[in-house]
Amino acid sequence: MLKGFRDFLLRGNVVDLAVAVVIGTAFVAIVTAFTSGIINPLLAVFGGSNEMGLGFQLIADKPATFIEVGPIITAAINFLLVAAILYFILVVPAIRMNKRFSNADESLTENELLIQIRDLLAEQRSRSDGKHSSVAQPQPDGDGERTY
């Protein structure tokens, strides 16, 4: 049971996910500091003379009815900045490294690869049946349908 758990933890995807969470958390702290130090004061400029910030009041005499738009904009900016940083610092280099060091022949499409597999299987089947055709011919089965 412990060996299975160890294998699970040491799988590449789990380790990559853990690293991404830790790095993502660190970037969130940096981006939050950036937005609270720079973006929020800029949004406050658009809030006008309202001391509550960027937003609008539903009922003039009740401060509890103030709808704040600034924190929503700040959260959206946080999300976009974190996503962009993670994409350009982690995902793009990982894709480039994967393409550079990949041994797979990526010039073939999936359909071309499936056609090659089909042709190889048909050739192998024809050799074992004593035929010399390189492509399998459809054979009617018991239901009248043609199978390969």
N, C-alpha and C. Protein backbone atom coordinates (compact mmCIF):
# COMPACT_ATOMS: atom_id res chain seq x y z
N MET A 1 0.82 -1.18 0.00
CA MET A 1 0.00 0.00 0.00
C MET A 1 0.88 1.27 0.00
N LEU A 2 1.91 1.30 0.80
CA LEU A 2 2.79 2.46 0.83
C LEU A 2 3.58 2.61 -0.46
N LYS A 3 3.93 1.47 -1.09
CA LYS A 3 4.65 1.54 -2.36
C LYS A 3 3.78 2.19 -3.44
N GLY A 4 2.49 1.82 -3.46
CA GLY A 4 1.58 2.43 -4.41
C GLY A 4 1.42 3.93 -4.19
N PHE A 5 1.35 4.32 -2.91
CA PHE A 5 1.25 5.74 -2.58
C PHE A 5 2.51 6.48 -3.00
N ARG A 6 3.66 5.87 -2.77
CA ARG A 6 4.93 6.48 -3.17
C ARG A 6 4.99 6.63 -4.69
N ASP A 7 4.56 5.59 -5.42
CA ASP A 7 4.56 5.66 -6.88
C ASP A 7 3.63 6.77 -7.36
N PHE A 8 2.48 6.91 -6.68
CA PHE A 8 1.54 7.97 -7.03
C PHE A 8 2.17 9.35 -6.84
N LEU A 9 2.84 9.53 -5.71
CA LEU A 9 3.45 10.83 -5.43
C LEU A 9 4.61 11.15 -6.35
N LEU A 10 5.32 10.14 -6.79
CA LEU A 10 6.51 10.38 -7.62
C LEU A 10 6.21 10.40 -9.10
N ARG A 11 4.95 10.19 -9.46
CA ARG A 11 4.60 10.31 -10.86
C ARG A 11 4.84 11.74 -11.31
N GLY A 12 5.20 11.91 -12.56
CA GLY A 12 5.53 13.24 -13.07
C GLY A 12 4.42 14.25 -12.92
N ASN A 13 3.18 13.85 -13.17
CA ASN A 13 2.08 14.80 -13.13
C ASN A 13 1.84 15.34 -11.73
N VAL A 14 1.95 14.51 -10.72
CA VAL A 14 1.70 14.95 -9.35
C VAL A 14 2.79 15.93 -8.91
N VAL A 15 4.03 15.61 -9.21
CA VAL A 15 5.13 16.50 -8.85
C VAL A 15 5.00 17.83 -9.60
N ASP A 16 4.68 17.77 -10.88
CA ASP A 16 4.50 18.99 -11.66
C ASP A 16 3.36 19.83 -11.10
N LEU A 17 2.29 19.19 -10.72
CA LEU A 17 1.15 19.90 -10.15
C LEU A 17 1.52 20.57 -8.84
N ALA A 18 2.26 19.88 -8.00
CA ALA A 18 2.68 20.46 -6.72
C ALA A 18 3.58 21.67 -6.94
N VAL A 19 4.50 21.57 -7.87
CA VAL A 19 5.39 22.70 -8.18
C VAL A 19 4.56 23.86 -8.71
N ALA A 20 3.61 23.59 -9.58
CA ALA A 20 2.77 24.65 -10.14
C ALA A 20 1.96 25.35 -9.06
N VAL A 21 1.45 24.59 -8.10
CA VAL A 21 0.68 25.21 -7.02
C VAL A 21 1.56 26.13 -6.17
N VAL A 22 2.75 25.66 -5.84
CA VAL A 22 3.65 26.47 -5.02
C VAL A 22 4.07 27.73 -5.77
N ILE A 23 4.46 27.59 -7.01
CA ILE A 23 4.87 28.75 -7.79
C ILE A 23 3.69 29.68 -8.02
N GLY A 24 2.52 29.11 -8.30
CA GLY A 24 1.33 29.94 -8.48
C GLY A 24 1.00 30.73 -7.24
N THR A 25 1.13 30.11 -6.08
CA THR A 25 0.87 30.82 -4.82
C THR A 25 1.85 31.97 -4.63
N ALA A 26 3.10 31.75 -4.96
CA ALA A 26 4.10 32.82 -4.85
C ALA A 26 3.78 33.96 -5.81
N PHE A 27 3.36 33.63 -7.03
CA PHE A 27 3.01 34.68 -7.98
C PHE A 27 1.77 35.44 -7.54
N VAL A 28 0.82 34.75 -6.91
CA VAL A 28 -0.37 35.43 -6.43
C VAL A 28 0.01 36.50 -5.41
N ALA A 29 0.95 36.18 -4.52
CA ALA A 29 1.39 37.17 -3.53
C ALA A 29 2.02 38.38 -4.20
N ILE A 30 2.84 38.14 -5.21
CA ILE A 30 3.50 39.24 -5.92
C ILE A 30 2.47 40.09 -6.66
N VAL A 31 1.56 39.43 -7.36
CA VAL A 31 0.56 40.15 -8.15
C VAL A 31 -0.40 40.90 -7.23
N THR A 32 -0.76 40.32 -6.11
CA THR A 32 -1.65 41.00 -5.16
C THR A 32 -0.98 42.26 -4.61
N ALA A 33 0.29 42.17 -4.30
CA ALA A 33 1.02 43.36 -3.84
C ALA A 33 1.06 44.42 -4.93
N PHE A 34 1.25 44.01 -6.16
CA PHE A 34 1.28 44.95 -7.29
C PHE A 34 -0.07 45.64 -7.46
N THR A 35 -1.15 44.86 -7.43
CA THR A 35 -2.47 45.46 -7.64
C THR A 35 -2.89 46.33 -6.46
N SER A 36 -2.56 45.90 -5.24
CA SER A 36 -2.96 46.74 -4.10
C SER A 36 -2.10 48.00 -4.02
N GLY A 37 -0.86 47.95 -4.47
CA GLY A 37 0.02 49.11 -4.41
C GLY A 37 -0.10 50.04 -5.59
N ILE A 38 -0.47 49.53 -6.76
CA ILE A 38 -0.49 50.37 -7.96
C ILE A 38 -1.89 50.46 -8.57
N ILE A 39 -2.54 49.32 -8.78
CA ILE A 39 -3.83 49.31 -9.48
C ILE A 39 -4.93 49.93 -8.62
N ASN A 40 -5.01 49.57 -7.35
CA ASN A 40 -6.06 50.10 -6.49
C ASN A 40 -6.02 51.62 -6.38
N PRO A 41 -4.84 52.24 -6.19
CA PRO A 41 -4.84 53.72 -6.18
C PRO A 41 -5.29 54.31 -7.52
N LEU A 42 -4.95 53.65 -8.62
CA LEU A 42 -5.41 54.15 -9.92
C LEU A 42 -6.92 54.02 -10.06
N LEU A 43 -7.48 52.93 -9.54
CA LEU A 43 -8.94 52.77 -9.57
C LEU A 43 -9.62 53.79 -8.67
N ALA A 44 -8.97 54.14 -7.58
CA ALA A 44 -9.55 55.13 -6.67
C ALA A 44 -9.68 56.49 -7.33
N VAL A 45 -8.82 56.77 -8.30
CA VAL A 45 -8.92 58.03 -9.05
C VAL A 45 -10.25 58.09 -9.79
N PHE A 46 -10.69 56.96 -10.32
CA PHE A 46 -11.96 56.92 -11.05
C PHE A 46 -13.16 56.88 -10.12
N GLY A 47 -12.92 56.61 -8.85
CA GLY A 47 -14.00 56.58 -7.88
C GLY A 47 -14.51 57.96 -7.51
N GLY A 48 -13.83 58.98 -7.96
CA GLY A 48 -14.26 60.35 -7.69
C GLY A 48 -14.05 60.72 -6.23
N SER A 49 -14.96 61.51 -5.69
CA SER A 49 -14.83 61.98 -4.31
C SER A 49 -15.43 60.99 -3.32
N ASN A 50 -15.92 59.88 -3.79
CA ASN A 50 -16.53 58.88 -2.92
C ASN A 50 -15.45 58.21 -2.08
N GLU A 51 -15.58 58.27 -0.76
CA GLU A 51 -14.57 57.69 0.12
C GLU A 51 -14.63 56.17 0.17
N MET A 52 -15.69 55.58 -0.38
CA MET A 52 -15.83 54.13 -0.34
C MET A 52 -15.10 53.45 -1.50
N GLY A 53 -14.67 54.21 -2.46
CA GLY A 53 -13.96 53.62 -3.59
C GLY A 53 -14.80 53.63 -4.85
N LEU A 54 -14.35 52.86 -5.83
CA LEU A 54 -15.02 52.79 -7.12
C LEU A 54 -16.26 51.92 -6.98
N GLY A 55 -17.42 52.47 -7.26
CA GLY A 55 -18.67 51.74 -7.15
C GLY A 55 -19.83 52.69 -7.17
N PHE A 56 -21.00 52.18 -6.77
CA PHE A 56 -22.17 53.04 -6.76
C PHE A 56 -23.09 52.66 -5.60
N GLN A 57 -23.85 53.66 -5.15
CA GLN A 57 -24.74 53.52 -4.01
C GLN A 57 -26.15 53.25 -4.52
N LEU A 58 -26.81 52.19 -3.99
CA LEU A 58 -28.18 51.90 -4.39
C LEU A 58 -29.17 52.83 -3.68
N ILE A 59 -28.98 52.97 -2.37
CA ILE A 59 -29.82 53.88 -1.60
C ILE A 59 -28.88 54.91 -0.95
N ALA A 60 -29.16 56.17 -1.14
CA ALA A 60 -28.23 57.24 -0.77
C ALA A 60 -27.89 57.27 0.71
N ASP A 61 -28.82 56.99 1.59
CA ASP A 61 -28.57 57.12 3.03
C ASP A 61 -28.06 55.84 3.69
N LYS A 62 -27.94 54.74 2.95
CA LYS A 62 -27.53 53.47 3.54
C LYS A 62 -26.17 53.03 2.96
N PRO A 63 -25.10 53.13 3.76
CA PRO A 63 -23.78 52.71 3.27
C PRO A 63 -23.71 51.21 2.97
N ALA A 64 -24.58 50.42 3.57
CA ALA A 64 -24.56 48.97 3.31
C ALA A 64 -25.01 48.64 1.90
N THR A 65 -25.62 49.58 1.21
CA THR A 65 -26.09 49.31 -0.16
C THR A 65 -25.08 49.76 -1.21
N PHE A 66 -23.85 50.06 -0.79
CA PHE A 66 -22.81 50.46 -1.73
C PHE A 66 -22.26 49.22 -2.44
N ILE A 67 -22.28 49.22 -3.75
CA ILE A 67 -21.76 48.11 -4.55
C ILE A 67 -20.37 48.50 -5.03
N GLU A 68 -19.38 47.75 -4.55
CA GLU A 68 -17.99 48.05 -4.89
C GLU A 68 -17.61 47.35 -6.20
N VAL A 69 -17.16 48.11 -7.15
CA VAL A 69 -16.72 47.59 -8.43
C VAL A 69 -15.20 47.43 -8.43
N GLY A 70 -14.51 48.23 -7.65
CA GLY A 70 -13.05 48.21 -7.60
C GLY A 70 -12.46 46.85 -7.25
N PRO A 71 -12.94 46.17 -6.18
CA PRO A 71 -12.39 44.85 -5.87
C PRO A 71 -12.62 43.80 -6.96
N ILE A 72 -13.71 43.94 -7.68
CA ILE A 72 -13.98 43.00 -8.79
C ILE A 72 -12.96 43.23 -9.91
N ILE A 73 -12.72 44.49 -10.23
CA ILE A 73 -11.73 44.81 -11.26
C ILE A 73 -10.34 44.37 -10.81
N THR A 74 -10.03 44.59 -9.55
CA THR A 74 -8.73 44.18 -9.01
C THR A 74 -8.56 42.66 -9.09
N ALA A 75 -9.60 41.92 -8.72
CA ALA A 75 -9.52 40.44 -8.79
C ALA A 75 -9.35 39.97 -10.23
N ALA A 76 -10.03 40.62 -11.17
CA ALA A 76 -9.88 40.25 -12.58
C ALA A 76 -8.47 40.53 -13.07
N ILE A 77 -7.91 41.67 -12.67
CA ILE A 77 -6.53 42.01 -13.06
C ILE A 77 -5.56 41.03 -12.42
N ASN A 78 -5.79 40.68 -11.15
CA ASN A 78 -4.95 39.66 -10.48
C ASN A 78 -4.96 38.36 -11.27
N PHE A 79 -6.15 37.91 -11.62
CA PHE A 79 -6.27 36.65 -12.35
C PHE A 79 -5.53 36.71 -13.68
N LEU A 80 -5.75 37.76 -14.44
CA LEU A 80 -5.09 37.87 -15.75
C LEU A 80 -3.58 37.94 -15.63
N LEU A 81 -3.09 38.68 -14.64
CA LEU A 81 -1.63 38.78 -14.46
C LEU A 81 -1.03 37.44 -14.05
N VAL A 82 -1.67 36.74 -13.11
CA VAL A 82 -1.16 35.43 -12.67
C VAL A 82 -1.19 34.45 -13.83
N ALA A 83 -2.30 34.43 -14.58
CA ALA A 83 -2.40 33.51 -15.71
C ALA A 83 -1.34 33.81 -16.76
N ALA A 84 -1.11 35.09 -17.05
CA ALA A 84 -0.11 35.46 -18.06
C ALA A 84 1.29 35.11 -17.59
N ILE A 85 1.59 35.38 -16.33
CA ILE A 85 2.93 35.07 -15.81
C ILE A 85 3.17 33.56 -15.84
N LEU A 86 2.21 32.79 -15.37
CA LEU A 86 2.38 31.33 -15.37
C LEU A 86 2.50 30.79 -16.79
N TYR A 87 1.70 31.35 -17.70
CA TYR A 87 1.75 30.86 -19.08
C TYR A 87 3.12 31.15 -19.71
N PHE A 88 3.58 32.39 -19.60
CA PHE A 88 4.81 32.76 -20.29
C PHE A 88 6.08 32.28 -19.58
N ILE A 89 6.02 32.04 -18.27
CA ILE A 89 7.21 31.60 -17.56
C ILE A 89 7.27 30.07 -17.42
N LEU A 90 6.12 29.41 -17.35
CA LEU A 90 6.13 27.96 -17.16
C LEU A 90 5.67 27.18 -18.39
N VAL A 91 4.51 27.55 -18.93
CA VAL A 91 3.91 26.73 -19.99
C VAL A 91 4.69 26.84 -21.30
N VAL A 92 4.95 28.04 -21.75
CA VAL A 92 5.65 28.22 -23.04
C VAL A 92 7.02 27.55 -23.04
N PRO A 93 7.87 27.77 -22.01
CA PRO A 93 9.15 27.06 -22.01
C PRO A 93 8.99 25.55 -21.92
N ALA A 94 8.00 25.07 -21.19
CA ALA A 94 7.79 23.61 -21.10
C ALA A 94 7.40 23.05 -22.46
N ILE A 95 6.57 23.74 -23.20
CA ILE A 95 6.18 23.29 -24.54
C ILE A 95 7.39 23.28 -25.46
N ARG A 96 8.21 24.33 -25.40
CA ARG A 96 9.41 24.38 -26.25
C ARG A 96 10.38 23.25 -25.91
N MET A 97 10.58 23.00 -24.62
CA MET A 97 11.48 21.92 -24.21
C MET A 97 10.93 20.56 -24.63
N ASN A 98 9.63 20.40 -24.51
CA ASN A 98 9.00 19.15 -24.90
C ASN A 98 9.17 18.90 -26.40
N LYS A 99 9.00 19.95 -27.20
CA LYS A 99 9.17 19.81 -28.65
C LYS A 99 10.63 19.54 -28.99
N ARG A 100 11.54 20.21 -28.30
CA ARG A 100 12.97 20.09 -28.60
C ARG A 100 13.49 18.68 -28.28
N PHE A 101 13.08 18.14 -27.15
CA PHE A 101 13.63 16.86 -26.70
C PHE A 101 12.71 15.67 -26.95
N SER A 102 11.62 15.89 -27.65
CA SER A 102 10.69 14.80 -27.94
C SER A 102 11.25 13.92 -29.04
N ASN A 103 11.15 12.62 -28.86
CA ASN A 103 11.63 11.67 -29.87
C ASN A 103 10.54 11.28 -30.85
N ALA A 104 9.31 11.63 -30.56
CA ALA A 104 8.20 11.23 -31.42
C ALA A 104 8.24 12.02 -32.72
N ASP A 105 7.81 11.35 -33.78
CA ASP A 105 7.72 12.00 -35.08
C ASP A 105 6.42 12.78 -35.13
N GLU A 106 6.51 14.08 -34.95
CA GLU A 106 5.31 14.90 -34.87
C GLU A 106 4.87 15.42 -36.23
N SER A 107 5.55 15.00 -37.31
CA SER A 107 5.16 15.47 -38.62
C SER A 107 3.92 14.75 -39.14
N LEU A 108 3.56 13.63 -38.55
CA LEU A 108 2.39 12.88 -38.97
C LEU A 108 1.16 13.32 -38.19
N THR A 109 0.04 13.42 -38.91
CA THR A 109 -1.21 13.70 -38.22
C THR A 109 -1.73 12.39 -37.63
N GLU A 110 -2.73 12.50 -36.80
CA GLU A 110 -3.29 11.29 -36.19
C GLU A 110 -3.87 10.36 -37.25
N ASN A 111 -4.53 10.93 -38.25
CA ASN A 111 -5.12 10.10 -39.30
C ASN A 111 -4.04 9.38 -40.10
N GLU A 112 -2.97 10.07 -40.41
CA GLU A 112 -1.88 9.43 -41.15
C GLU A 112 -1.26 8.30 -40.34
N LEU A 113 -1.10 8.54 -39.06
CA LEU A 113 -0.55 7.51 -38.18
C LEU A 113 -1.48 6.30 -38.11
N LEU A 114 -2.77 6.53 -37.99
CA LEU A 114 -3.74 5.43 -37.95
C LEU A 114 -3.77 4.66 -39.27
N ILE A 115 -3.62 5.38 -40.38
CA ILE A 115 -3.58 4.71 -41.69
C ILE A 115 -2.34 3.83 -41.78
N GLN A 116 -1.19 4.32 -41.30
CA GLN A 116 0.03 3.50 -41.32
C GLN A 116 -0.13 2.26 -40.45
N ILE A 117 -0.74 2.42 -39.28
CA ILE A 117 -0.97 1.26 -38.39
C ILE A 117 -1.89 0.26 -39.07
N ARG A 118 -2.96 0.75 -39.69
CA ARG A 118 -3.89 -0.14 -40.39
C ARG A 118 -3.19 -0.90 -41.50
N ASP A 119 -2.37 -0.20 -42.29
CA ASP A 119 -1.67 -0.85 -43.39
C ASP A 119 -0.67 -1.89 -42.89
N LEU A 120 0.03 -1.57 -41.80
CA LEU A 120 0.98 -2.53 -41.24
C LEU A 120 0.27 -3.77 -40.70
N LEU A 121 -0.85 -3.58 -40.04
CA LEU A 121 -1.62 -4.72 -39.54
C LEU A 121 -2.16 -5.56 -40.69
N ALA A 122 -2.64 -4.90 -41.74
CA ALA A 122 -3.14 -5.64 -42.90
C ALA A 122 -2.03 -6.43 -43.57
N GLU A 123 -0.85 -5.82 -43.67
CA GLU A 123 0.30 -6.52 -44.27
C GLU A 123 0.70 -7.72 -43.42
N GLN A 124 0.70 -7.53 -42.12
CA GLN A 124 1.05 -8.63 -41.21
C GLN A 124 0.01 -9.75 -41.31
N ARG A 125 -1.25 -9.40 -41.40
CA ARG A 125 -2.31 -10.40 -41.52
C ARG A 125 -2.20 -11.15 -42.84
N SER A 126 -1.88 -10.42 -43.92
CA SER A 126 -1.79 -11.08 -45.23
C SER A 126 -0.59 -12.01 -45.29
N ARG A 127 0.49 -11.68 -44.59
CA ARG A 127 1.65 -12.58 -44.55
C ARG A 127 1.32 -13.86 -43.80
N SER A 128 0.57 -13.70 -42.72
CA SER A 128 0.23 -14.90 -41.95
C SER A 128 -0.80 -15.76 -42.66
N ASP A 129 -1.62 -15.17 -43.56
CA ASP A 129 -2.61 -15.93 -44.32
C ASP A 129 -2.04 -16.47 -45.62
N GLY A 130 -0.84 -16.08 -45.98
CA GLY A 130 -0.21 -16.53 -47.20
C GLY A 130 -0.51 -15.65 -48.39
N LYS A 131 -1.22 -14.57 -48.20
CA LYS A 131 -1.53 -13.64 -49.29
C LYS A 131 -0.39 -12.65 -49.41
N HIS A 132 -0.31 -11.99 -50.57
CA HIS A 132 0.75 -11.02 -50.78
C HIS A 132 0.21 -9.61 -50.96
N SER A 133 -1.07 -9.40 -50.69
CA SER A 133 -1.65 -8.07 -50.80
C SER A 133 -1.22 -7.23 -49.60
N SER A 134 -0.94 -5.95 -49.85
CA SER A 134 -0.48 -5.10 -48.76
C SER A 134 -1.63 -4.39 -48.06
N VAL A 135 -2.83 -4.46 -48.63
CA VAL A 135 -3.98 -3.81 -48.00
C VAL A 135 -5.06 -4.87 -47.81
N ALA A 136 -5.66 -4.87 -46.64
CA ALA A 136 -6.70 -5.85 -46.34
C ALA A 136 -7.94 -5.55 -47.15
N GLN A 137 -8.55 -6.59 -47.71
CA GLN A 137 -9.78 -6.45 -48.46
C GLN A 137 -10.95 -6.73 -47.54
N PRO A 138 -12.05 -5.98 -47.69
CA PRO A 138 -13.19 -6.22 -46.82
C PRO A 138 -13.78 -7.60 -47.06
N GLN A 139 -14.14 -8.27 -45.99
CA GLN A 139 -14.74 -9.59 -46.04
C GLN A 139 -16.12 -9.52 -45.41
N PRO A 140 -17.14 -10.08 -46.06
CA PRO A 140 -18.46 -10.06 -45.43
C PRO A 140 -18.48 -10.96 -44.21
N ASP A 141 -19.11 -10.49 -43.14
CA ASP A 141 -19.24 -11.34 -41.96
C ASP A 141 -20.62 -11.96 -41.95
N GLY A 142 -21.00 -12.56 -40.87
CA GLY A 142 -22.28 -13.26 -40.79
C GLY A 142 -23.48 -12.35 -40.91
N ASP A 143 -23.35 -11.05 -40.64
CA ASP A 143 -24.49 -10.13 -40.69
C ASP A 143 -24.61 -9.45 -42.06
N GLY A 144 -23.73 -9.78 -42.98
CA GLY A 144 -23.75 -9.16 -44.29
C GLY A 144 -22.96 -7.88 -44.36
N GLU A 145 -22.39 -7.45 -43.26
CA GLU A 145 -21.58 -6.26 -43.25
C GLU A 145 -20.16 -6.60 -43.64
N ARG A 146 -19.45 -5.63 -44.15
CA ARG A 146 -18.06 -5.87 -44.55
C ARG A 146 -17.16 -5.49 -43.38
N THR A 147 -16.23 -6.38 -43.07
CA THR A 147 -15.24 -6.11 -42.02
C THR A 147 -13.86 -6.24 -42.61
N TYR A 148 -12.89 -5.67 -41.93
CA TYR A 148 -11.50 -5.70 -42.40
C TYR A 148 -10.71 -6.64 -41.55
